[in-house]
Protein backbone atom coordinates (compact mmCIF):
# COMPACT_ATOMS: atom_id res chain seq x y z
CA MET A 1 -15.28 -12.66 -9.04
CA LEU A 2 -11.67 -12.41 -7.88
CA TRP A 3 -12.69 -10.55 -4.74
CA ALA A 4 -15.47 -13.08 -4.09
CA ALA A 5 -13.08 -16.01 -4.50
CA ALA A 6 -10.56 -14.36 -2.18
CA GLY A 7 -13.30 -13.74 0.38
CA VAL A 8 -14.50 -17.34 0.33
CA THR A 9 -10.94 -18.65 0.64
CA LEU A 10 -10.21 -16.35 3.55
CA LEU A 11 -13.44 -17.30 5.30
CA ALA A 12 -12.62 -21.01 4.96
CA PHE A 13 -9.13 -20.37 6.33
CA LEU A 14 -10.58 -18.47 9.32
CA VAL A 15 -13.00 -21.31 10.02
CA VAL A 16 -10.12 -23.81 10.07
CA LEU A 17 -8.12 -21.59 12.43
CA GLU A 18 -11.17 -21.19 14.65
CA ILE A 19 -11.63 -24.97 14.89
CA VAL A 20 -7.94 -25.53 15.66
CA ALA A 21 -7.87 -22.78 18.31
CA GLN A 22 -11.04 -24.15 19.92
CA GLY A 23 -9.35 -27.54 20.05
CA TYR A 24 -6.67 -26.00 22.27
CA GLY A 25 -9.26 -24.36 24.50
CA GLU A 26 -8.78 -20.83 23.14
CA HIS A 27 -10.89 -18.46 21.09
CA GLY A 28 -10.09 -18.22 17.39
CA PRO A 29 -10.21 -15.18 15.11
CA ILE A 30 -13.95 -15.43 14.32
CA LEU A 31 -15.09 -15.66 17.93
CA ASN A 32 -12.64 -12.97 19.08
CA LEU A 33 -13.86 -10.55 16.43
CA SER A 34 -17.52 -11.41 17.16
CA ARG A 35 -17.05 -10.72 20.88
CA GLU A 36 -15.72 -7.25 20.12
CA VAL A 37 -19.08 -6.24 18.68
CA ILE A 38 -20.37 -6.02 22.28
CA PHE A 39 -17.54 -6.59 24.76
CA ALA A 40 -14.51 -4.38 25.32
CA PRO A 41 -12.15 -4.72 22.34
CA HIS A 42 -8.56 -5.80 22.72
CA SER A 43 -7.24 -2.96 20.54
CA GLY A 44 -9.33 0.13 19.92
CA PRO A 45 -6.75 1.88 17.68
CA LEU A 46 -6.71 -1.16 15.38
CA LEU A 47 -10.50 -1.02 14.93
CA TYR A 48 -10.39 2.68 14.13
CA ALA A 49 -7.51 2.09 11.71
CA GLY A 50 -9.77 -0.39 9.88
CA LEU A 51 -12.56 2.20 9.84
CA ALA A 52 -10.18 4.83 8.46
CA LEU A 53 -9.16 2.50 5.63
CA MET A 54 -12.80 1.88 4.77
CA MET A 55 -13.51 5.62 4.65
CA VAL A 56 -11.17 6.14 1.69
CA VAL A 57 -14.12 5.14 -0.54
CA LEU A 58 -16.51 7.68 1.07
CA THR A 59 -17.13 11.33 0.34
CA TRP A 60 -16.11 13.89 2.95
CA ARG A 61 -19.70 14.24 4.16
CA GLU A 62 -20.03 10.46 4.49
CA ARG A 63 -16.72 10.31 6.37
CA PHE A 64 -17.92 12.82 8.95
CA VAL A 65 -21.16 10.89 9.39
CA ALA A 66 -19.31 7.55 9.77
CA ALA A 67 -16.75 8.94 12.20
CA GLY A 68 -19.45 10.69 14.24
CA ALA A 69 -21.53 7.53 14.42
CA ALA A 70 -18.52 5.46 15.56
CA VAL A 71 -17.58 7.95 18.29
CA GLY A 72 -21.20 8.29 19.42
CA ILE A 73 -21.63 4.52 19.75
CA ASP A 74 -18.37 4.28 21.69
CA VAL A 75 -19.45 7.01 24.10
CA VAL A 76 -22.76 5.24 24.80
CA LEU A 77 -21.07 1.86 25.32
CA TRP A 78 -18.40 3.49 27.49
CA LEU A 79 -21.07 4.95 29.79
CA VAL A 80 -22.89 1.62 29.96
CA ARG A 81 -19.68 -0.23 30.87
CA TRP A 82 -18.78 2.41 33.44
CA ALA A 83 -22.20 2.09 35.07
CA ALA A 84 -21.99 -1.70 35.04
CA GLY A 85 -18.42 -1.81 36.32
CA ALA A 86 -17.29 -3.80 33.28
CA GLU A 87 -13.93 -3.75 31.52
CA MET A 88 -13.33 -0.39 29.84
CA ASN A 89 -12.07 0.14 26.30
CA PHE A 90 -13.18 1.74 23.03
CA GLY A 91 -13.46 0.66 19.39
CA ASN A 92 -16.85 -1.07 19.20
CA GLY A 93 -18.29 1.91 17.36
CA ALA A 94 -15.75 1.58 14.56
CA LEU A 95 -16.61 -2.11 14.14
CA TRP A 96 -20.35 -1.33 14.15
CA VAL A 97 -19.93 1.26 11.41
CA LEU A 98 -17.82 -1.13 9.32
CA ILE A 99 -20.48 -3.82 9.53
CA GLY A 100 -23.20 -1.28 8.85
CA CYS A 101 -21.45 -0.05 5.71
CA ALA A 102 -21.17 -3.63 4.45
CA VAL A 103 -24.94 -4.12 4.99
CA LEU A 104 -25.60 -0.75 3.32
CA ALA A 105 -23.54 -1.78 0.28
CA LEU A 106 -25.51 -5.02 -0.11
CA THR A 107 -28.95 -3.52 0.41
CA ARG A 108 -28.86 0.09 -0.85
CA ARG A 109 -26.05 0.35 -3.38
CA THR A 110 -25.84 -1.07 -6.89
CA GLY A 111 -23.28 -1.44 -9.65
CA PRO A 112 -19.83 0.17 -9.26
CA ASP A 113 -20.87 2.03 -6.09
CA ARG A 114 -21.71 -1.26 -4.38
CA ALA A 115 -18.45 -2.88 -5.52
CA LEU A 116 -16.38 0.08 -4.32
CA LEU A 117 -18.03 0.22 -0.89
CA LEU A 118 -17.70 -3.56 -0.47
CA LYS A 119 -14.01 -3.32 -1.34
CA GLY A 120 -13.57 -0.55 1.21
CA THR A 121 -15.32 -2.43 4.01
CA GLY A 122 -13.49 -5.60 3.03
CA LEU A 123 -10.17 -3.76 3.28
CA GLY A 124 -10.95 -2.47 6.76
CA LEU A 125 -12.20 -5.84 7.99
CA LEU A 126 -9.18 -7.59 6.46
CA LEU A 127 -6.84 -5.37 8.47
CA ILE A 128 -8.70 -6.22 11.68
CA GLY A 129 -9.21 -9.88 10.80
CA GLY A 130 -5.58 -10.23 9.78
CA HIS A 131 -4.52 -9.15 13.26
CA LYS A 132 -6.88 -11.68 14.87
CA THR A 133 -5.63 -14.36 12.48
CA GLY A 134 -2.05 -13.59 13.49
CA ASP A 135 -2.96 -14.06 17.17
CA ALA A 136 -4.45 -17.48 16.37
CA TRP A 137 -1.37 -18.45 14.35
CA LEU A 138 0.91 -17.54 17.27
CA LEU A 139 -1.18 -19.62 19.64
CA ILE A 140 -0.92 -22.60 17.30
CA THR A 141 2.87 -22.25 17.04
CA SER A 142 3.27 -22.33 20.81
CA LYS A 143 1.00 -25.36 21.18
CA THR A 144 2.23 -27.48 18.26
CA ARG A 145 5.98 -26.78 18.37
CA PRO A 146 7.24 -27.88 21.80
CA ASP A 147 10.91 -27.47 20.77
CA VAL A 148 12.56 -24.28 19.52
CA LEU A 149 15.64 -23.85 17.32
CA ASP A 150 17.12 -20.82 19.08
CA PRO A 151 20.55 -22.46 19.63
CA TYR A 152 20.95 -22.84 15.86
CA VAL A 153 20.17 -19.19 15.15
CA ALA A 154 22.21 -17.97 18.12
CA VAL A 155 25.29 -19.81 16.85
CA ALA A 156 24.73 -18.62 13.28
CA ASP A 157 24.32 -15.07 14.59
CA HIS A 158 27.97 -15.08 15.66
CA ALA A 159 28.76 -14.55 11.98
CA LEU A 160 26.95 -11.20 12.19
CA GLY A 161 28.61 -10.12 15.44
CA ASP A 162 25.69 -11.00 17.77
CA PRO A 163 23.82 -7.75 17.04
CA SER A 164 20.99 -8.43 19.50
CA TRP A 165 23.44 -8.57 22.39
CA LEU A 166 25.18 -5.37 21.23
CA VAL A 167 22.02 -3.32 20.63
CA GLY A 168 20.45 -4.71 23.79
CA ARG A 169 23.25 -3.21 25.87
CA VAL A 170 22.86 0.13 24.05
CA VAL A 171 19.12 0.25 24.73
CA GLU A 172 19.70 -0.70 28.34
CA ALA A 173 22.25 2.12 28.69
CA THR A 174 19.83 4.71 27.24
CA ASP A 175 16.84 3.77 29.40
CA PRO A 176 14.27 5.11 30.08
CA VAL A 177 14.28 7.45 27.04
CA GLY A 178 15.53 4.92 24.49
CA GLY A 179 13.28 2.13 25.72
CA HIS A 180 10.10 4.24 25.72
CA LEU A 181 10.76 5.70 22.27
CA LEU A 182 11.55 2.33 20.70
CA GLY A 183 8.60 0.74 22.48
CA ALA A 184 6.24 3.29 20.92
CA VAL A 185 7.70 2.69 17.45
CA TYR A 186 7.55 -1.08 17.83
CA GLY A 187 4.06 -1.24 19.34
CA GLN A 188 2.31 1.17 16.97
CA LEU A 189 3.39 -0.47 13.72
CA PRO A 190 -0.23 -1.26 12.63
CA LEU A 191 -1.20 2.37 13.19
CA ALA A 192 1.80 3.56 11.17
CA ALA A 193 0.87 1.19 8.35
CA ALA A 194 -2.68 2.59 8.34
CA VAL A 195 -1.33 6.16 8.06
CA PHE A 196 0.89 5.28 5.09
CA ALA A 197 -1.92 3.30 3.46
CA LEU A 198 -4.33 6.21 3.85
CA TYR A 199 -1.88 8.44 2.03
CA GLN A 200 -1.63 5.94 -0.81
CA LEU A 201 -5.40 5.56 -1.06
CA ARG A 202 -6.33 9.22 -0.62
CA HIS A 203 -7.65 9.55 -4.20
CA VAL A 204 -9.85 6.44 -4.22
CA ALA A 205 -13.09 8.33 -3.49
CA VAL A 206 -12.45 10.69 -6.42
CA GLU A 207 -11.14 8.15 -8.95
CA ARG A 208 -13.72 5.52 -7.84
CA ARG A 209 -11.15 2.75 -7.99
CA PHE A 210 -8.26 1.35 -5.97
CA PRO A 211 -4.68 1.53 -7.26
CA SER A 212 -3.32 -1.67 -8.77
CA HIS A 213 -0.92 -2.09 -5.85
CA HIS A 214 -0.86 -0.61 -2.36
CA LEU A 215 0.65 -1.21 1.05
CA VAL A 216 -2.29 -3.04 2.63
CA ARG A 217 -2.08 -5.92 0.13
CA THR A 218 1.60 -6.55 0.91
CA PHE A 219 0.99 -6.08 4.63
CA LEU A 220 -1.78 -8.68 4.74
CA VAL A 221 0.07 -11.29 2.66
CA ILE A 222 3.16 -10.93 4.88
CA GLY A 223 0.98 -11.54 7.93
CA LEU A 224 -0.70 -14.52 6.30
CA LEU A 225 2.40 -16.36 5.03
CA GLY A 226 4.88 -15.45 7.76
CA PRO A 227 3.37 -17.57 10.54
CA ALA A 228 3.48 -20.59 8.22
CA ILE A 229 7.29 -20.24 8.28
CA TYR A 230 7.12 -20.19 12.09
CA MET A 231 5.72 -23.70 11.94
CA ILE A 232 8.74 -24.83 9.91
CA PHE A 233 11.40 -22.90 11.83
CA PRO A 234 10.15 -22.25 15.42
CA VAL A 235 12.31 -19.71 17.28
CA ALA A 236 11.39 -17.90 20.51
CA GLY A 237 13.96 -15.07 20.60
CA PRO A 238 17.04 -14.10 22.65
CA VAL A 239 15.18 -12.53 25.59
CA TYR A 240 13.24 -15.79 26.04
CA ALA A 241 15.72 -18.52 25.12
CA TYR A 242 18.75 -16.75 26.66
CA GLY A 243 17.22 -14.08 28.87
CA PRO A 244 15.11 -13.45 31.96
CA ASP A 245 11.76 -13.64 30.17
CA GLY A 246 12.25 -17.34 29.48
CA GLY A 247 12.14 -18.22 33.17
CA PRO A 248 12.98 -21.87 33.87
CA TRP A 249 12.70 -22.72 30.17
CA ALA A 250 15.63 -20.52 29.14
CA ALA A 251 18.82 -22.33 28.13
CA ALA A 252 20.76 -19.79 30.22
CA ASP A 253 20.38 -16.23 31.51
CA LEU A 254 22.90 -14.58 29.16
CA TRP A 255 21.15 -11.82 27.22
CA PRO A 256 22.35 -9.10 26.76
CA HIS A 257 25.61 -9.08 28.73
CA THR A 258 27.13 -12.50 28.02
CA LEU A 259 27.42 -13.98 24.54
CA PRO A 260 26.04 -17.49 24.05
CA PRO A 261 28.73 -20.15 23.65
CA ILE A 262 29.66 -21.57 20.25
CA THR A 263 28.76 -25.20 20.79
CA ALA A 264 27.01 -27.78 18.64
CA PRO A 265 23.35 -26.63 18.66
CA HIS A 266 20.32 -28.80 19.30
CA PRO A 267 16.57 -28.15 19.70
CA ILE A 268 15.52 -27.19 23.21
CA PRO A 269 12.07 -27.69 24.78
CA PHE A 270 10.09 -24.58 25.63
CA ASP A 271 6.78 -23.61 27.23
CA GLU A 272 3.36 -23.70 25.55
CA ILE A 273 2.78 -19.95 25.93
CA THR A 274 5.62 -18.13 24.17
CA PRO A 275 5.00 -17.75 20.42
CA ARG A 276 7.66 -19.15 18.08
CA ASN A 277 7.52 -15.96 15.99
CA CYS A 278 11.11 -15.02 15.20
CA MET A 279 12.06 -16.55 11.86
CA PRO A 280 11.58 -14.45 9.84
CA SER A 281 11.08 -11.17 11.69
CA LEU A 282 7.66 -10.02 10.51
CA HIS A 283 8.09 -6.64 12.21
CA THR A 284 11.13 -6.22 9.96
CA ALA A 285 9.17 -7.40 6.93
CA TRP A 286 6.25 -5.06 7.66
CA THR A 287 8.38 -2.00 8.30
CA THR A 288 10.39 -2.79 5.15
CA ALA A 289 7.11 -2.75 3.22
CA ILE A 290 6.25 0.61 4.79
CA PHE A 291 9.66 1.95 3.79
CA LEU A 292 9.23 0.73 0.20
CA HIS A 293 5.80 2.27 -0.20
CA SER A 294 6.85 5.57 1.37
CA ARG A 295 9.43 6.22 -1.37
CA LYS A 296 6.77 7.71 -3.68
CA GLY A 297 5.30 9.94 -0.97
CA SER A 298 6.07 13.46 0.13
CA ARG A 299 9.36 14.32 1.78
CA PRO A 300 7.97 14.15 5.36
CA LEU A 301 6.45 10.77 4.53
CA ARG A 302 9.77 9.49 3.18
CA TYR A 303 11.53 10.66 6.33
CA ALA A 304 8.86 8.98 8.47
CA GLY A 305 9.26 5.71 6.56
CA THR A 306 13.01 5.79 7.09
CA PHE A 307 12.61 6.62 10.78
CA TRP A 308 10.11 3.78 11.30
CA LEU A 309 12.41 1.30 9.57
CA ALA A 310 15.44 2.30 11.65
CA GLY A 311 13.43 2.42 14.87
CA THR A 312 11.79 -0.97 14.32
CA LEU A 313 15.06 -2.70 13.45
CA THR A 314 16.68 -1.21 16.55
CA ALA A 315 13.74 -2.22 18.76
CA THR A 316 13.56 -5.80 17.50
CA LEU A 317 17.23 -6.28 18.37
CA GLY A 318 17.41 -4.05 21.44
CA PHE A 319 14.46 -5.65 23.21
CA GLY A 320 15.82 -9.12 22.51
CA TYR A 321 12.86 -10.16 20.38
CA HIS A 322 14.96 -11.17 17.36
CA TYR A 323 18.41 -12.26 16.25
CA GLY A 324 20.25 -10.48 13.45
CA ALA A 325 19.67 -13.50 11.21
CA ASP A 326 15.91 -13.00 11.61
CA LEU A 327 16.17 -9.45 10.28
CA ILE A 328 18.07 -10.49 7.15
CA ALA A 329 15.46 -13.14 6.42
CA GLY A 330 12.67 -10.62 7.10
CA VAL A 331 14.00 -8.13 4.55
CA VAL A 332 14.30 -10.80 1.84
CA PHE A 333 10.82 -12.09 2.73
CA ALA A 334 9.26 -8.63 2.40
CA LEU A 335 10.95 -7.78 -0.90
CA THR A 336 9.90 -11.09 -2.45
CA ILE A 337 6.26 -10.73 -1.39
CA ASP A 338 6.03 -7.08 -2.44
CA ALA A 339 7.49 -7.94 -5.86
CA GLY A 340 4.90 -10.69 -6.28
CA MET A 341 2.03 -8.39 -5.28
CA ARG A 342 3.24 -5.68 -7.66
CA ALA A 343 3.39 -8.25 -10.45
CA LEU A 344 -0.17 -9.34 -9.72
CA GLY A 345 -1.28 -5.74 -10.09
CA ARG A 346 0.58 -4.93 -13.30
CA GLY A 347 0.80 -8.37 -14.90
CA TRP A 348 3.43 -11.08 -14.70
CA ASP A 349 6.44 -10.96 -16.97
CA GLY A 350 9.90 -12.52 -17.10
CA THR A 351 11.37 -9.91 -14.74
CA ALA A 352 8.72 -10.59 -12.09
CA THR A 353 9.12 -14.34 -12.35
CA ARG A 354 12.91 -14.16 -12.03
CA LEU A 355 12.75 -11.72 -9.11
CA VAL A 356 10.23 -13.73 -7.10
CA ALA A 357 12.05 -16.99 -7.85
CA TYR A 358 15.38 -15.47 -6.85
CA GLY A 359 14.00 -13.99 -3.64
CA THR A 360 12.40 -17.31 -2.74
CA ALA A 361 15.67 -19.16 -3.42
CA VAL A 362 17.71 -16.76 -1.28
CA PHE A 363 15.18 -16.96 1.56
CA THR A 364 15.22 -20.75 1.44
CA ALA A 365 19.03 -20.81 1.35
CA LEU A 366 19.17 -18.56 4.43
CA LEU A 367 16.89 -20.86 6.42
CA LEU A 368 18.87 -23.95 5.37
CA ALA A 369 22.15 -22.27 6.31
CA TYR A 370 20.84 -21.27 9.73
CA ARG A 371 19.55 -24.77 10.36
CA PHE A 372 22.28 -26.99 8.95
CA LEU A 373 25.45 -24.83 8.79
CA PRO A 374 25.45 -22.74 11.99
CA MET A 375 28.81 -24.03 13.22
CA GLN A 376 30.46 -23.32 9.86
CA LEU A 377 28.97 -19.80 9.84
CA ALA A 378 30.23 -19.10 13.35
CA ALA A 379 33.68 -20.58 12.67
CA HIS A 380 34.35 -18.21 9.75
CA PRO A 381 32.58 -14.93 10.66
CA TRP A 382 34.69 -12.69 8.41
CA VAL A 383 33.56 -14.72 5.40
CA SER A 384 30.09 -15.97 6.30
CA GLY A 385 28.88 -12.69 7.83
CA PRO A 386 29.52 -10.59 4.69
CA LEU A 387 28.08 -13.41 2.56
CA LEU A 388 24.81 -13.36 4.52
CA VAL A 389 24.57 -9.58 4.15
CA LEU A 390 25.54 -9.83 0.48
CA ALA A 391 22.73 -12.32 -0.14
CA MET A 392 20.25 -9.79 1.26
CA VAL A 393 21.81 -6.93 -0.71
CA SER A 394 21.59 -8.94 -3.93
CA VAL A 395 17.82 -9.26 -3.48
CA ILE A 396 17.58 -5.53 -2.72
CA LEU A 397 19.48 -4.67 -5.92
CA ALA A 398 17.35 -7.07 -7.99
CA TYR A 399 14.22 -5.47 -6.55
CA VAL A 400 15.43 -1.93 -7.28
CA ARG A 401 16.37 -2.91 -10.84
CA ALA A 402 12.94 -4.44 -11.43
CA MET A 403 11.16 -1.38 -10.04
CA ARG A 404 13.07 0.84 -12.45
CA LEU A 405 12.05 -1.35 -15.36
CA TRP A 406 8.41 -1.24 -14.23
CA GLU A 407 8.32 2.53 -13.85
CA PRO A 408 5.92 4.04 -16.40
CA LYS A 409 7.85 5.78 -19.17
CA PRO A 410 6.89 9.41 -19.89
CA VAL A 411 4.98 9.74 -23.17
CA PRO A 412 5.69 12.92 -25.19
CA ALA A 413 2.64 15.06 -25.91
CA PRO A 414 1.31 14.66 -29.46
CA ARG A 415 2.32 17.44 -31.84
CA GLN A 416 -0.53 19.81 -32.63
CA GLU A 417 -1.19 21.05 -36.14
CA GLY A 418 0.75 24.23 -36.80
CA ASP A 419 3.57 23.41 -34.38
CA ALA A 420 7.01 24.00 -35.79
CA LEU A 421 8.85 20.85 -36.71
CA PRO A 422 11.97 20.22 -34.61
CA GLN A 423 15.12 21.36 -36.40
CA GLU A 424 17.82 18.80 -36.91
CA PRO A 425 21.22 20.03 -35.77
CA ARG A 426 23.48 21.13 -38.64
CA PRO A 427 26.87 19.48 -38.82
CA ALA A 428 29.75 21.63 -37.72
CA VAL A 429 31.83 23.11 -40.58
CA SER A 430 35.51 23.77 -40.12
CA PRO A 431 36.95 27.15 -41.21
CA LEU A 432 38.99 25.44 -43.95
CA GLU A 433 35.88 23.77 -45.44
CA ASN A 434 34.02 27.08 -45.33
CA HIS A 435 36.89 28.83 -47.13
CA VAL A 436 37.00 26.14 -49.82
């Protein structure tokens, strides 16, 4: 019933987004996903990542059949498009197999097998649909928020030492190697999330159930709630508001070589194309979630999670997509959401309530400080900068403390009949007492 209620709610939300997007003359998430059944998909790797997530509920034989069917369909459609001179891409086969498995679950499976296969297909389609939903959200932010608040964040960022300007110069100095490497890390974040999620869900087919908490849940909720914050705090990013990518709409062409001036900030008008997707940094939030969920993996997986976190943070700053203040907010945002999703899986208690409430309060305080106290933050960088970082660190420490409390305690094995009883240690006896 919970899955059904979540599905109905999500479908209603997608319908609303579709109507709003159509009102602005663009395709919404439902129409975009429907077109990819036949026409060339926008992102083939994303569709195959959704298929891979669905296959965690299948046996190895079923996985080979599903993968072979997806590749075979793509080859046929590729040849047809090539012959017709149409746009070329792959991924339709993965979407066909996902839809086919959903139909198979409803028509040929019963009981727990049907529920498990529906959950698997729902997980794969949620990953794909979440990406389409994010695209619609970004379109809505650019159409409904004509002004951006970049001057406020740019002034507040002086308290942190203007990290986007600093890292931007470093990336520029290391081109083309640094730029290509960071671009691959930044652009393939959904694929990396799918790899980590597959590792977490590798035992689902054997255990016939999903774990109580996994990466995909946190990933999807971050993508659903984050764009709502964009509507409240629209920010375009340094490379747009203060760089060459902003064109005539940029306040000045300063990034990354000249720091923006510390003057009283005010909203500035911007175009109706650039998404207002900076505050908070969802790339930071997503890669933080990947880092958190990689801590229980193998050593190579832990190293990969650390590398992806460092690479994504460097890319978001070095490409001028985010300010340092966005990253701090993104980390707090991710920790708060992941704590809430873990609590939903294990059951709410006082620790969960306090942690989520504290993370929400810190996140709200950060946004208020950026919006209403930027001049004070910039005027006292040696105080305000460490305080901003300390606020983030306090949420990190609260999260770590809660995770330690929630760790399952080892239970000693029951004593079997005939086992020797443990001997209590005898008190030490001094030589004088022994003599007496």
